[in-house]
Amino acid sequence: MNSIQTALSSARFNRIMLGLGVLVLAAGALTLILKIAGGNDNTDVNPSPGFVPTLPQKTTPLKNSQGITVRTFEQLDPQVKSNIRTFLATVVPRRNIGRSWAVVAPSVKAGYTYKKWTHADALPVNYYPVDNVDRINYYLDEATSNEILIEVGLSAPAKYAMRPTTFQLGLVPVGKGAKAKWLVNYFMPRWTPPIPVN
């Protein structure tokens, strides 16, 4: 026997070849997994040259007409509270809808004229048969220079057999300076599942 034949038949050489084979198999399997799981999207993740991100507007806490930082619903200006009350008493229960035109933001009434708004079969405001606007619960979620968010607890008359519902109402300033008014631009229910009985 020659020395090459002896080296090829040794146990040590066979162990080295087995280890090398396992390494090649593992490298191939890893490459295949990375190729398949890595996806096929070749989109460049870097922004294009000249890209300038748009940052959200800087907000500041809202101050009322007395200069007090608004932290509760009661601290809001009377004009804001009056607009909220008018909105909830008119367009939400679909009573005297024409009065709501002045307190709804242009973004909500886009595509409507005053006449269409007052005679429309469908409006972009959720309907709820408000029982009594004097017994509504309000909770201020947020008040900044750009937006006011309020939770409104509404209840319907007993004849409707509807459970009380909490809505979130949003207002935005429309106009500039002293002529700016806070108008309603958002009104959606904050649904929670009913508690199971039995």
N, C-alpha and C. Protein backbone atom coordinates (compact mmCIF):
# COMPACT_ATOMS: atom_id res chain seq x y z
N MET A 1 0.83 -1.18 0.00
CA MET A 1 0.00 0.00 0.00
C MET A 1 0.87 1.24 0.00
N ASN A 2 0.38 2.15 -0.73
CA ASN A 2 1.15 3.38 -0.74
C ASN A 2 0.62 4.35 0.33
N SER A 3 1.29 5.42 0.52
CA SER A 3 0.95 6.36 1.61
C SER A 3 -0.36 7.11 1.35
N ILE A 4 -0.72 7.38 0.09
CA ILE A 4 -1.97 8.08 -0.22
C ILE A 4 -3.16 7.19 0.11
N GLN A 5 -3.05 5.93 -0.27
CA GLN A 5 -4.13 5.00 0.00
C GLN A 5 -4.31 4.81 1.50
N THR A 6 -3.26 4.80 2.24
CA THR A 6 -3.31 4.65 3.69
C THR A 6 -3.95 5.88 4.32
N ALA A 7 -3.62 7.08 3.85
CA ALA A 7 -4.18 8.32 4.39
C ALA A 7 -5.68 8.40 4.11
N LEU A 8 -6.11 7.98 2.91
CA LEU A 8 -7.53 8.04 2.56
C LEU A 8 -8.37 7.06 3.35
N SER A 9 -7.79 5.98 3.79
CA SER A 9 -8.56 4.98 4.52
C SER A 9 -8.45 5.13 6.03
N SER A 10 -7.76 6.17 6.51
CA SER A 10 -7.60 6.33 7.96
C SER A 10 -8.89 6.91 8.58
N ALA A 11 -9.11 6.60 9.85
CA ALA A 11 -10.29 7.07 10.58
C ALA A 11 -10.25 8.59 10.76
N ARG A 12 -9.08 9.11 10.97
CA ARG A 12 -8.92 10.56 11.16
C ARG A 12 -9.35 11.31 9.91
N PHE A 13 -8.90 10.86 8.75
CA PHE A 13 -9.24 11.50 7.49
C PHE A 13 -10.76 11.43 7.25
N ASN A 14 -11.38 10.31 7.57
CA ASN A 14 -12.83 10.15 7.40
C ASN A 14 -13.61 11.11 8.30
N ARG A 15 -13.13 11.33 9.54
CA ARG A 15 -13.79 12.28 10.44
C ARG A 15 -13.66 13.71 9.92
N ILE A 16 -12.50 14.05 9.39
CA ILE A 16 -12.29 15.39 8.83
C ILE A 16 -13.21 15.61 7.63
N MET A 17 -13.32 14.61 6.76
CA MET A 17 -14.18 14.72 5.58
C MET A 17 -15.66 14.83 5.98
N LEU A 18 -16.07 14.08 7.02
CA LEU A 18 -17.44 14.16 7.50
C LEU A 18 -17.73 15.56 8.04
N GLY A 19 -16.83 16.10 8.85
CA GLY A 19 -17.00 17.45 9.40
C GLY A 19 -17.06 18.49 8.30
N LEU A 20 -16.21 18.37 7.29
CA LEU A 20 -16.20 19.30 6.16
C LEU A 20 -17.51 19.21 5.38
N GLY A 21 -18.01 18.00 5.20
CA GLY A 21 -19.28 17.80 4.50
C GLY A 21 -20.45 18.43 5.26
N VAL A 22 -20.45 18.28 6.59
CA VAL A 22 -21.51 18.87 7.41
C VAL A 22 -21.45 20.40 7.32
N LEU A 23 -20.25 20.98 7.35
CA LEU A 23 -20.09 22.43 7.23
C LEU A 23 -20.60 22.94 5.88
N VAL A 24 -20.28 22.25 4.80
CA VAL A 24 -20.75 22.65 3.47
C VAL A 24 -22.27 22.56 3.39
N LEU A 25 -22.85 21.48 3.95
CA LEU A 25 -24.30 21.32 3.96
C LEU A 25 -24.97 22.43 4.77
N ALA A 26 -24.41 22.76 5.95
CA ALA A 26 -24.98 23.82 6.79
C ALA A 26 -24.90 25.17 6.08
N ALA A 27 -23.77 25.46 5.44
CA ALA A 27 -23.62 26.73 4.71
C ALA A 27 -24.63 26.82 3.57
N GLY A 28 -24.82 25.73 2.85
CA GLY A 28 -25.80 25.71 1.75
C GLY A 28 -27.22 25.91 2.25
N ALA A 29 -27.57 25.23 3.35
CA ALA A 29 -28.91 25.36 3.92
C ALA A 29 -29.15 26.78 4.42
N LEU A 30 -28.15 27.39 5.07
CA LEU A 30 -28.26 28.76 5.55
C LEU A 30 -28.45 29.74 4.40
N THR A 31 -27.68 29.55 3.33
CA THR A 31 -27.80 30.41 2.15
C THR A 31 -29.19 30.30 1.55
N LEU A 32 -29.71 29.08 1.45
CA LEU A 32 -31.04 28.86 0.89
C LEU A 32 -32.11 29.52 1.76
N ILE A 33 -32.02 29.37 3.07
CA ILE A 33 -33.00 29.97 3.98
C ILE A 33 -32.97 31.49 3.88
N LEU A 34 -31.78 32.07 3.87
CA LEU A 34 -31.67 33.53 3.78
C LEU A 34 -32.21 34.04 2.45
N LYS A 35 -32.00 33.30 1.40
CA LYS A 35 -32.48 33.71 0.07
C LYS A 35 -34.01 33.66 0.02
N ILE A 36 -34.60 32.60 0.58
CA ILE A 36 -36.06 32.46 0.55
C ILE A 36 -36.72 33.41 1.56
N ALA A 37 -36.25 33.43 2.79
CA ALA A 37 -36.86 34.24 3.84
C ALA A 37 -36.49 35.70 3.74
N GLY A 38 -35.44 36.02 3.05
CA GLY A 38 -35.00 37.41 2.95
C GLY A 38 -35.92 38.27 2.12
N GLY A 39 -36.82 37.68 1.36
CA GLY A 39 -37.74 38.45 0.53
C GLY A 39 -37.12 38.78 -0.81
N ASN A 40 -37.94 39.36 -1.67
CA ASN A 40 -37.45 39.69 -3.00
C ASN A 40 -37.61 41.17 -3.30
N ASP A 41 -37.82 41.98 -2.28
CA ASP A 41 -37.96 43.42 -2.48
C ASP A 41 -36.58 44.06 -2.56
N ASN A 42 -36.28 44.62 -3.70
CA ASN A 42 -34.98 45.26 -3.89
C ASN A 42 -35.06 46.77 -3.79
N THR A 43 -36.13 47.28 -3.19
CA THR A 43 -36.31 48.72 -3.05
C THR A 43 -35.23 49.28 -2.13
N ASP A 44 -34.69 50.41 -2.53
CA ASP A 44 -33.67 51.07 -1.73
C ASP A 44 -34.33 51.66 -0.48
N VAL A 45 -33.79 51.35 0.69
CA VAL A 45 -34.37 51.84 1.93
C VAL A 45 -33.90 53.23 2.30
N ASN A 46 -32.90 53.72 1.64
CA ASN A 46 -32.40 55.07 1.91
C ASN A 46 -33.30 56.09 1.21
N PRO A 47 -33.50 57.25 1.83
CA PRO A 47 -34.33 58.27 1.19
C PRO A 47 -33.65 58.81 -0.07
N SER A 48 -34.47 59.28 -0.99
CA SER A 48 -33.92 59.83 -2.23
C SER A 48 -33.19 61.14 -1.93
N PRO A 49 -32.23 61.51 -2.79
CA PRO A 49 -31.51 62.77 -2.57
C PRO A 49 -32.48 63.95 -2.59
N GLY A 50 -32.30 64.86 -1.68
CA GLY A 50 -33.16 66.03 -1.61
C GLY A 50 -34.41 65.81 -0.77
N PHE A 51 -34.57 64.62 -0.17
CA PHE A 51 -35.75 64.33 0.65
C PHE A 51 -35.70 65.16 1.92
N VAL A 52 -36.82 65.83 2.22
CA VAL A 52 -36.94 66.60 3.45
C VAL A 52 -38.19 66.11 4.18
N PRO A 53 -38.05 65.52 5.36
CA PRO A 53 -39.22 65.01 6.06
C PRO A 53 -40.12 66.16 6.53
N THR A 54 -41.43 65.92 6.51
CA THR A 54 -42.36 66.91 7.04
C THR A 54 -42.70 66.51 8.47
N LEU A 55 -42.43 67.37 9.36
CA LEU A 55 -42.67 67.11 10.77
C LEU A 55 -44.05 67.62 11.16
N PRO A 56 -44.69 67.01 12.16
CA PRO A 56 -45.99 67.52 12.60
C PRO A 56 -45.86 68.92 13.17
N GLN A 57 -46.96 69.67 13.08
CA GLN A 57 -46.94 71.02 13.61
C GLN A 57 -46.66 70.98 15.11
N LYS A 58 -45.92 71.96 15.54
CA LYS A 58 -45.62 72.05 16.97
C LYS A 58 -46.88 72.53 17.68
N THR A 59 -47.25 71.83 18.73
CA THR A 59 -48.44 72.21 19.48
C THR A 59 -48.03 72.76 20.83
N THR A 60 -48.89 73.61 21.33
CA THR A 60 -48.69 74.16 22.67
C THR A 60 -49.99 73.93 23.43
N PRO A 61 -49.91 73.83 24.75
CA PRO A 61 -51.14 73.67 25.52
C PRO A 61 -52.09 74.84 25.27
N LEU A 62 -53.37 74.56 25.23
CA LEU A 62 -54.38 75.59 24.96
C LEU A 62 -54.57 76.45 26.19
N LYS A 63 -54.66 77.75 25.97
CA LYS A 63 -54.98 78.69 27.04
C LYS A 63 -56.32 79.33 26.72
N ASN A 64 -57.15 79.51 27.74
CA ASN A 64 -58.45 80.13 27.51
C ASN A 64 -58.32 81.65 27.50
N SER A 65 -59.44 82.36 27.39
CA SER A 65 -59.40 83.83 27.27
C SER A 65 -58.85 84.51 28.52
N GLN A 66 -58.84 83.82 29.66
CA GLN A 66 -58.25 84.39 30.88
C GLN A 66 -56.76 84.08 31.00
N GLY A 67 -56.20 83.36 30.02
CA GLY A 67 -54.78 83.02 30.04
C GLY A 67 -54.46 81.78 30.85
N ILE A 68 -55.46 81.04 31.27
CA ILE A 68 -55.26 79.83 32.06
C ILE A 68 -55.10 78.64 31.12
N THR A 69 -54.12 77.78 31.40
CA THR A 69 -53.94 76.56 30.61
C THR A 69 -55.13 75.64 30.86
N VAL A 70 -55.79 75.22 29.77
CA VAL A 70 -57.01 74.42 29.87
C VAL A 70 -56.65 72.97 30.20
N ARG A 71 -57.17 72.48 31.33
CA ARG A 71 -56.94 71.10 31.75
C ARG A 71 -58.26 70.34 31.95
N THR A 72 -59.36 71.06 32.10
CA THR A 72 -60.67 70.42 32.28
C THR A 72 -61.67 71.05 31.32
N PHE A 73 -62.78 70.36 31.13
CA PHE A 73 -63.82 70.87 30.23
C PHE A 73 -64.36 72.21 30.72
N GLU A 74 -64.51 72.37 32.01
CA GLU A 74 -65.07 73.59 32.57
C GLU A 74 -64.20 74.81 32.28
N GLN A 75 -62.91 74.63 32.03
CA GLN A 75 -62.01 75.75 31.76
C GLN A 75 -62.06 76.23 30.31
N LEU A 76 -62.76 75.52 29.44
CA LEU A 76 -62.87 75.96 28.05
C LEU A 76 -63.65 77.26 27.97
N ASP A 77 -63.39 78.05 26.93
CA ASP A 77 -64.11 79.30 26.74
C ASP A 77 -65.59 79.04 26.49
N PRO A 78 -66.46 79.97 26.89
CA PRO A 78 -67.90 79.79 26.68
C PRO A 78 -68.27 79.57 25.21
N GLN A 79 -67.57 80.20 24.28
CA GLN A 79 -67.87 80.04 22.84
C GLN A 79 -67.64 78.60 22.41
N VAL A 80 -66.59 77.96 22.92
CA VAL A 80 -66.30 76.57 22.57
C VAL A 80 -67.38 75.66 23.14
N LYS A 81 -67.74 75.87 24.41
CA LYS A 81 -68.78 75.05 25.03
C LYS A 81 -70.13 75.25 24.35
N SER A 82 -70.42 76.47 23.93
CA SER A 82 -71.67 76.75 23.22
C SER A 82 -71.71 76.03 21.87
N ASN A 83 -70.59 76.01 21.15
CA ASN A 83 -70.52 75.31 19.87
C ASN A 83 -70.74 73.80 20.06
N ILE A 84 -70.15 73.24 21.10
CA ILE A 84 -70.32 71.81 21.38
C ILE A 84 -71.78 71.52 21.69
N ARG A 85 -72.37 72.33 22.53
CA ARG A 85 -73.78 72.14 22.92
C ARG A 85 -74.70 72.27 21.70
N THR A 86 -74.47 73.28 20.86
CA THR A 86 -75.29 73.45 19.65
C THR A 86 -75.16 72.25 18.74
N PHE A 87 -73.95 71.75 18.56
CA PHE A 87 -73.71 70.57 17.72
C PHE A 87 -74.49 69.37 18.24
N LEU A 88 -74.40 69.12 19.55
CA LEU A 88 -75.05 67.95 20.15
C LEU A 88 -76.57 68.08 20.19
N ALA A 89 -77.08 69.31 20.21
CA ALA A 89 -78.53 69.51 20.28
C ALA A 89 -79.18 69.56 18.91
N THR A 90 -78.39 69.73 17.84
CA THR A 90 -78.99 69.92 16.52
C THR A 90 -78.69 68.78 15.56
N VAL A 91 -77.47 68.72 15.05
CA VAL A 91 -77.19 67.77 13.96
C VAL A 91 -77.11 66.33 14.45
N VAL A 92 -76.68 66.08 15.66
CA VAL A 92 -76.57 64.70 16.16
C VAL A 92 -77.96 64.05 16.27
N PRO A 93 -78.95 64.69 16.91
CA PRO A 93 -80.29 64.08 16.95
C PRO A 93 -81.15 64.45 15.74
N ARG A 94 -80.58 65.20 14.78
CA ARG A 94 -81.28 65.62 13.56
C ARG A 94 -82.48 66.51 13.87
N ARG A 95 -82.25 67.51 14.75
CA ARG A 95 -83.26 68.51 15.08
C ARG A 95 -82.69 69.89 14.76
N ASN A 96 -83.45 70.73 14.07
CA ASN A 96 -82.99 72.09 13.73
C ASN A 96 -81.59 72.06 13.13
N ILE A 97 -81.40 71.24 12.13
CA ILE A 97 -80.07 71.00 11.56
C ILE A 97 -79.42 72.29 11.06
N GLY A 98 -80.21 73.23 10.59
CA GLY A 98 -79.67 74.49 10.08
C GLY A 98 -78.82 75.24 11.09
N ARG A 99 -79.14 75.12 12.37
CA ARG A 99 -78.36 75.80 13.42
C ARG A 99 -76.95 75.23 13.54
N SER A 100 -76.76 73.99 13.11
CA SER A 100 -75.45 73.35 13.25
C SER A 100 -74.45 73.84 12.20
N TRP A 101 -74.94 74.44 11.11
CA TRP A 101 -74.07 74.87 10.01
C TRP A 101 -72.92 75.76 10.50
N ALA A 102 -73.20 76.63 11.47
CA ALA A 102 -72.20 77.59 11.95
C ALA A 102 -71.17 76.97 12.89
N VAL A 103 -71.43 75.76 13.41
CA VAL A 103 -70.51 75.18 14.39
C VAL A 103 -69.76 73.96 13.86
N VAL A 104 -70.00 73.61 12.58
CA VAL A 104 -69.34 72.45 11.98
C VAL A 104 -68.20 72.94 11.09
N ALA A 105 -67.05 72.30 11.20
CA ALA A 105 -65.86 72.69 10.43
C ALA A 105 -66.09 72.48 8.93
N PRO A 106 -65.45 73.31 8.10
CA PRO A 106 -65.60 73.17 6.65
C PRO A 106 -65.22 71.78 6.13
N SER A 107 -64.29 71.10 6.79
CA SER A 107 -63.88 69.76 6.33
C SER A 107 -65.02 68.75 6.46
N VAL A 108 -65.93 68.95 7.40
CA VAL A 108 -67.05 68.03 7.60
C VAL A 108 -68.17 68.32 6.60
N LYS A 109 -68.41 69.60 6.35
CA LYS A 109 -69.52 69.95 5.45
C LYS A 109 -69.07 70.17 4.02
N ALA A 110 -67.88 69.69 3.67
CA ALA A 110 -67.38 69.81 2.29
C ALA A 110 -68.34 69.10 1.34
N GLY A 111 -68.68 69.78 0.25
CA GLY A 111 -69.59 69.20 -0.74
C GLY A 111 -71.06 69.51 -0.46
N TYR A 112 -71.34 70.16 0.65
CA TYR A 112 -72.71 70.53 1.00
C TYR A 112 -72.89 72.03 0.89
N THR A 113 -74.05 72.45 0.45
CA THR A 113 -74.46 73.84 0.59
C THR A 113 -75.33 73.88 1.84
N TYR A 114 -75.66 75.08 2.30
CA TYR A 114 -76.51 75.19 3.48
C TYR A 114 -77.84 74.48 3.25
N LYS A 115 -78.41 74.68 2.07
CA LYS A 115 -79.70 74.06 1.75
C LYS A 115 -79.60 72.54 1.73
N LYS A 116 -78.53 72.02 1.10
CA LYS A 116 -78.33 70.56 1.07
C LYS A 116 -78.14 70.01 2.48
N TRP A 117 -77.38 70.74 3.29
CA TRP A 117 -77.10 70.31 4.66
C TRP A 117 -78.39 70.19 5.46
N THR A 118 -79.27 71.16 5.32
CA THR A 118 -80.50 71.17 6.13
C THR A 118 -81.54 70.17 5.64
N HIS A 119 -81.44 69.72 4.38
CA HIS A 119 -82.44 68.81 3.82
C HIS A 119 -81.86 67.45 3.43
N ALA A 120 -80.65 67.15 3.82
CA ALA A 120 -79.99 65.91 3.39
C ALA A 120 -80.58 64.70 4.11
N ASP A 121 -80.65 63.59 3.37
CA ASP A 121 -81.07 62.33 3.98
C ASP A 121 -79.94 61.70 4.78
N ALA A 122 -78.72 61.96 4.35
CA ALA A 122 -77.55 61.41 5.04
C ALA A 122 -76.53 62.53 5.26
N LEU A 123 -76.03 62.61 6.45
CA LEU A 123 -75.02 63.62 6.79
C LEU A 123 -73.76 62.91 7.30
N PRO A 124 -72.60 63.56 7.19
CA PRO A 124 -71.36 62.93 7.66
C PRO A 124 -71.16 63.06 9.18
N VAL A 125 -72.25 62.95 9.91
CA VAL A 125 -72.22 63.03 11.37
C VAL A 125 -73.04 61.86 11.89
N ASN A 126 -72.51 61.14 12.87
CA ASN A 126 -73.23 60.01 13.45
C ASN A 126 -74.52 60.48 14.13
N TYR A 127 -75.59 59.75 13.87
CA TYR A 127 -76.88 60.05 14.50
C TYR A 127 -76.93 59.40 15.87
N TYR A 128 -77.47 60.14 16.82
CA TYR A 128 -77.77 59.58 18.14
C TYR A 128 -78.90 60.43 18.73
N PRO A 129 -79.98 59.81 19.18
CA PRO A 129 -81.12 60.58 19.71
C PRO A 129 -80.83 61.11 21.11
N VAL A 130 -80.14 62.22 21.18
CA VAL A 130 -79.75 62.80 22.47
C VAL A 130 -81.00 63.13 23.28
N ASP A 131 -81.03 62.65 24.52
CA ASP A 131 -82.19 62.84 25.39
C ASP A 131 -82.28 64.28 25.88
N ASN A 132 -81.22 64.74 26.53
CA ASN A 132 -81.26 66.07 27.14
C ASN A 132 -79.84 66.62 27.16
N VAL A 133 -79.62 67.72 26.46
CA VAL A 133 -78.26 68.29 26.40
C VAL A 133 -77.82 68.88 27.73
N ASP A 134 -78.74 69.08 28.65
CA ASP A 134 -78.37 69.62 29.96
C ASP A 134 -77.79 68.54 30.88
N ARG A 135 -77.96 67.27 30.52
CA ARG A 135 -77.47 66.18 31.37
C ARG A 135 -76.35 65.39 30.70
N ILE A 136 -75.57 66.04 29.89
CA ILE A 136 -74.47 65.37 29.19
C ILE A 136 -73.21 65.44 30.05
N ASN A 137 -72.46 64.35 30.10
CA ASN A 137 -71.18 64.32 30.81
C ASN A 137 -70.06 64.60 29.82
N TYR A 138 -69.13 65.48 30.21
CA TYR A 138 -68.01 65.84 29.36
C TYR A 138 -66.70 65.53 30.09
N TYR A 139 -65.72 65.07 29.34
CA TYR A 139 -64.39 64.85 29.88
C TYR A 139 -63.38 65.31 28.84
N LEU A 140 -62.49 66.20 29.22
CA LEU A 140 -61.49 66.73 28.30
C LEU A 140 -60.34 65.74 28.16
N ASP A 141 -60.13 65.21 26.94
CA ASP A 141 -59.01 64.32 26.67
C ASP A 141 -57.74 65.11 26.42
N GLU A 142 -57.84 66.11 25.56
CA GLU A 142 -56.65 66.86 25.14
C GLU A 142 -57.07 68.24 24.67
N ALA A 143 -56.27 69.24 24.99
CA ALA A 143 -56.52 70.60 24.51
C ALA A 143 -55.18 71.23 24.15
N THR A 144 -54.94 71.37 22.85
CA THR A 144 -53.72 72.02 22.37
C THR A 144 -54.13 73.18 21.47
N SER A 145 -53.14 73.90 20.98
CA SER A 145 -53.42 75.03 20.10
C SER A 145 -53.96 74.58 18.75
N ASN A 146 -53.85 73.28 18.43
CA ASN A 146 -54.31 72.76 17.14
C ASN A 146 -55.59 71.95 17.22
N GLU A 147 -55.93 71.42 18.40
CA GLU A 147 -57.07 70.51 18.48
C GLU A 147 -57.56 70.39 19.92
N ILE A 148 -58.87 70.19 20.04
CA ILE A 148 -59.48 69.88 21.33
C ILE A 148 -60.21 68.55 21.16
N LEU A 149 -59.95 67.59 22.04
CA LEU A 149 -60.64 66.29 22.02
C LEU A 149 -61.39 66.12 23.34
N ILE A 150 -62.68 65.80 23.22
CA ILE A 150 -63.54 65.68 24.38
C ILE A 150 -64.30 64.37 24.31
N GLU A 151 -64.43 63.70 25.44
CA GLU A 151 -65.31 62.54 25.52
C GLU A 151 -66.66 63.03 26.00
N VAL A 152 -67.71 62.61 25.28
CA VAL A 152 -69.07 63.07 25.56
C VAL A 152 -69.93 61.85 25.87
N GLY A 153 -70.51 61.81 27.06
CA GLY A 153 -71.39 60.70 27.44
C GLY A 153 -72.84 61.04 27.13
N LEU A 154 -73.42 60.35 26.15
CA LEU A 154 -74.79 60.63 25.73
C LEU A 154 -75.72 59.49 26.11
N SER A 155 -76.97 59.85 26.40
CA SER A 155 -77.99 58.83 26.64
C SER A 155 -79.22 59.19 25.81
N ALA A 156 -79.93 58.15 25.37
CA ALA A 156 -81.11 58.32 24.53
C ALA A 156 -82.37 58.19 25.39
N PRO A 157 -83.49 58.74 24.91
CA PRO A 157 -84.75 58.55 25.63
C PRO A 157 -85.07 57.05 25.75
N ALA A 158 -85.80 56.69 26.78
CA ALA A 158 -86.11 55.28 27.07
C ALA A 158 -86.83 54.59 25.91
N LYS A 159 -87.63 55.33 25.14
CA LYS A 159 -88.40 54.71 24.05
C LYS A 159 -87.52 54.12 22.96
N TYR A 160 -86.25 54.55 22.87
CA TYR A 160 -85.33 54.02 21.85
C TYR A 160 -84.64 52.73 22.31
N ALA A 161 -84.69 52.42 23.57
CA ALA A 161 -84.05 51.22 24.13
C ALA A 161 -82.59 51.12 23.71
N MET A 162 -81.89 52.23 23.78
CA MET A 162 -80.46 52.26 23.44
C MET A 162 -79.67 52.48 24.72
N ARG A 163 -78.55 51.82 24.80
CA ARG A 163 -77.72 52.03 25.98
C ARG A 163 -76.93 53.34 25.84
N PRO A 164 -76.56 53.96 26.95
CA PRO A 164 -75.75 55.18 26.87
C PRO A 164 -74.44 54.90 26.13
N THR A 165 -73.98 55.89 25.40
CA THR A 165 -72.79 55.72 24.57
C THR A 165 -71.84 56.89 24.78
N THR A 166 -70.56 56.59 24.81
CA THR A 166 -69.55 57.63 24.89
C THR A 166 -69.04 57.93 23.49
N PHE A 167 -69.03 59.20 23.13
CA PHE A 167 -68.52 59.64 21.84
C PHE A 167 -67.27 60.47 22.07
N GLN A 168 -66.42 60.49 21.06
CA GLN A 168 -65.28 61.41 21.09
C GLN A 168 -65.58 62.53 20.11
N LEU A 169 -65.46 63.75 20.57
CA LEU A 169 -65.77 64.93 19.78
C LEU A 169 -64.50 65.75 19.64
N GLY A 170 -64.18 66.15 18.42
CA GLY A 170 -62.97 66.94 18.18
C GLY A 170 -63.31 68.29 17.59
N LEU A 171 -62.56 69.29 17.99
CA LEU A 171 -62.71 70.64 17.45
C LEU A 171 -61.36 71.14 16.96
N VAL A 172 -61.39 71.95 15.91
CA VAL A 172 -60.18 72.57 15.37
C VAL A 172 -60.43 74.06 15.22
N PRO A 173 -59.36 74.87 15.32
CA PRO A 173 -59.55 76.31 15.10
C PRO A 173 -59.67 76.60 13.61
N VAL A 174 -60.65 77.41 13.25
CA VAL A 174 -60.85 77.83 11.86
C VAL A 174 -60.78 79.34 11.84
N GLY A 175 -59.90 79.88 11.01
CA GLY A 175 -59.67 81.32 10.97
C GLY A 175 -58.37 81.67 11.66
N LYS A 176 -58.02 82.93 11.60
CA LYS A 176 -56.75 83.38 12.18
C LYS A 176 -56.98 84.43 13.26
N GLY A 177 -56.09 84.45 14.21
CA GLY A 177 -56.07 85.49 15.24
C GLY A 177 -57.34 85.54 16.07
N ALA A 178 -57.83 86.78 16.28
CA ALA A 178 -59.00 86.99 17.13
C ALA A 178 -60.28 86.48 16.48
N LYS A 179 -60.26 86.29 15.15
CA LYS A 179 -61.46 85.81 14.44
C LYS A 179 -61.53 84.28 14.38
N ALA A 180 -60.56 83.61 14.96
CA ALA A 180 -60.56 82.14 14.94
C ALA A 180 -61.69 81.61 15.80
N LYS A 181 -62.38 80.58 15.27
CA LYS A 181 -63.45 79.91 16.01
C LYS A 181 -63.11 78.44 16.10
N TRP A 182 -63.51 77.83 17.19
CA TRP A 182 -63.34 76.38 17.35
C TRP A 182 -64.59 75.71 16.81
N LEU A 183 -64.42 74.89 15.75
CA LEU A 183 -65.54 74.22 15.11
C LEU A 183 -65.36 72.71 15.18
N VAL A 184 -66.47 71.99 15.22
CA VAL A 184 -66.45 70.53 15.35
C VAL A 184 -66.01 69.90 14.03
N ASN A 185 -64.99 69.05 14.10
CA ASN A 185 -64.53 68.35 12.89
C ASN A 185 -64.49 66.83 13.06
N TYR A 186 -64.90 66.34 14.24
CA TYR A 186 -64.83 64.89 14.49
C TYR A 186 -65.89 64.52 15.52
N PHE A 187 -66.61 63.42 15.24
CA PHE A 187 -67.61 62.93 16.18
C PHE A 187 -67.82 61.45 15.90
N MET A 188 -67.27 60.60 16.76
CA MET A 188 -67.37 59.15 16.56
C MET A 188 -67.60 58.47 17.91
N PRO A 189 -68.34 57.36 17.92
CA PRO A 189 -68.55 56.64 19.18
C PRO A 189 -67.28 55.94 19.63
N ARG A 190 -67.08 55.89 20.92
CA ARG A 190 -65.98 55.11 21.50
C ARG A 190 -66.61 53.83 22.00
N TRP A 191 -66.74 52.88 21.10
CA TRP A 191 -67.46 51.65 21.41
C TRP A 191 -66.69 50.77 22.37
N THR A 192 -67.41 50.23 23.31
CA THR A 192 -66.85 49.22 24.21
C THR A 192 -67.82 48.05 24.22
N PRO A 193 -67.32 46.83 24.28
CA PRO A 193 -68.24 45.69 24.27
C PRO A 193 -69.09 45.67 25.54
N PRO A 194 -70.35 45.25 25.41
CA PRO A 194 -71.19 45.19 26.61
C PRO A 194 -70.71 44.10 27.56
N ILE A 195 -70.97 44.30 28.83
CA ILE A 195 -70.59 43.31 29.84
C ILE A 195 -71.55 42.14 29.72
N PRO A 196 -71.02 40.90 29.61
CA PRO A 196 -71.91 39.75 29.46
C PRO A 196 -72.78 39.54 30.70
N VAL A 197 -74.00 39.15 30.46
CA VAL A 197 -74.93 38.86 31.56
C VAL A 197 -75.08 37.35 31.62
N ASN A 198 -74.89 36.79 32.82
CA ASN A 198 -74.95 35.33 33.05
C ASN A 198 -73.74 34.70 32.43
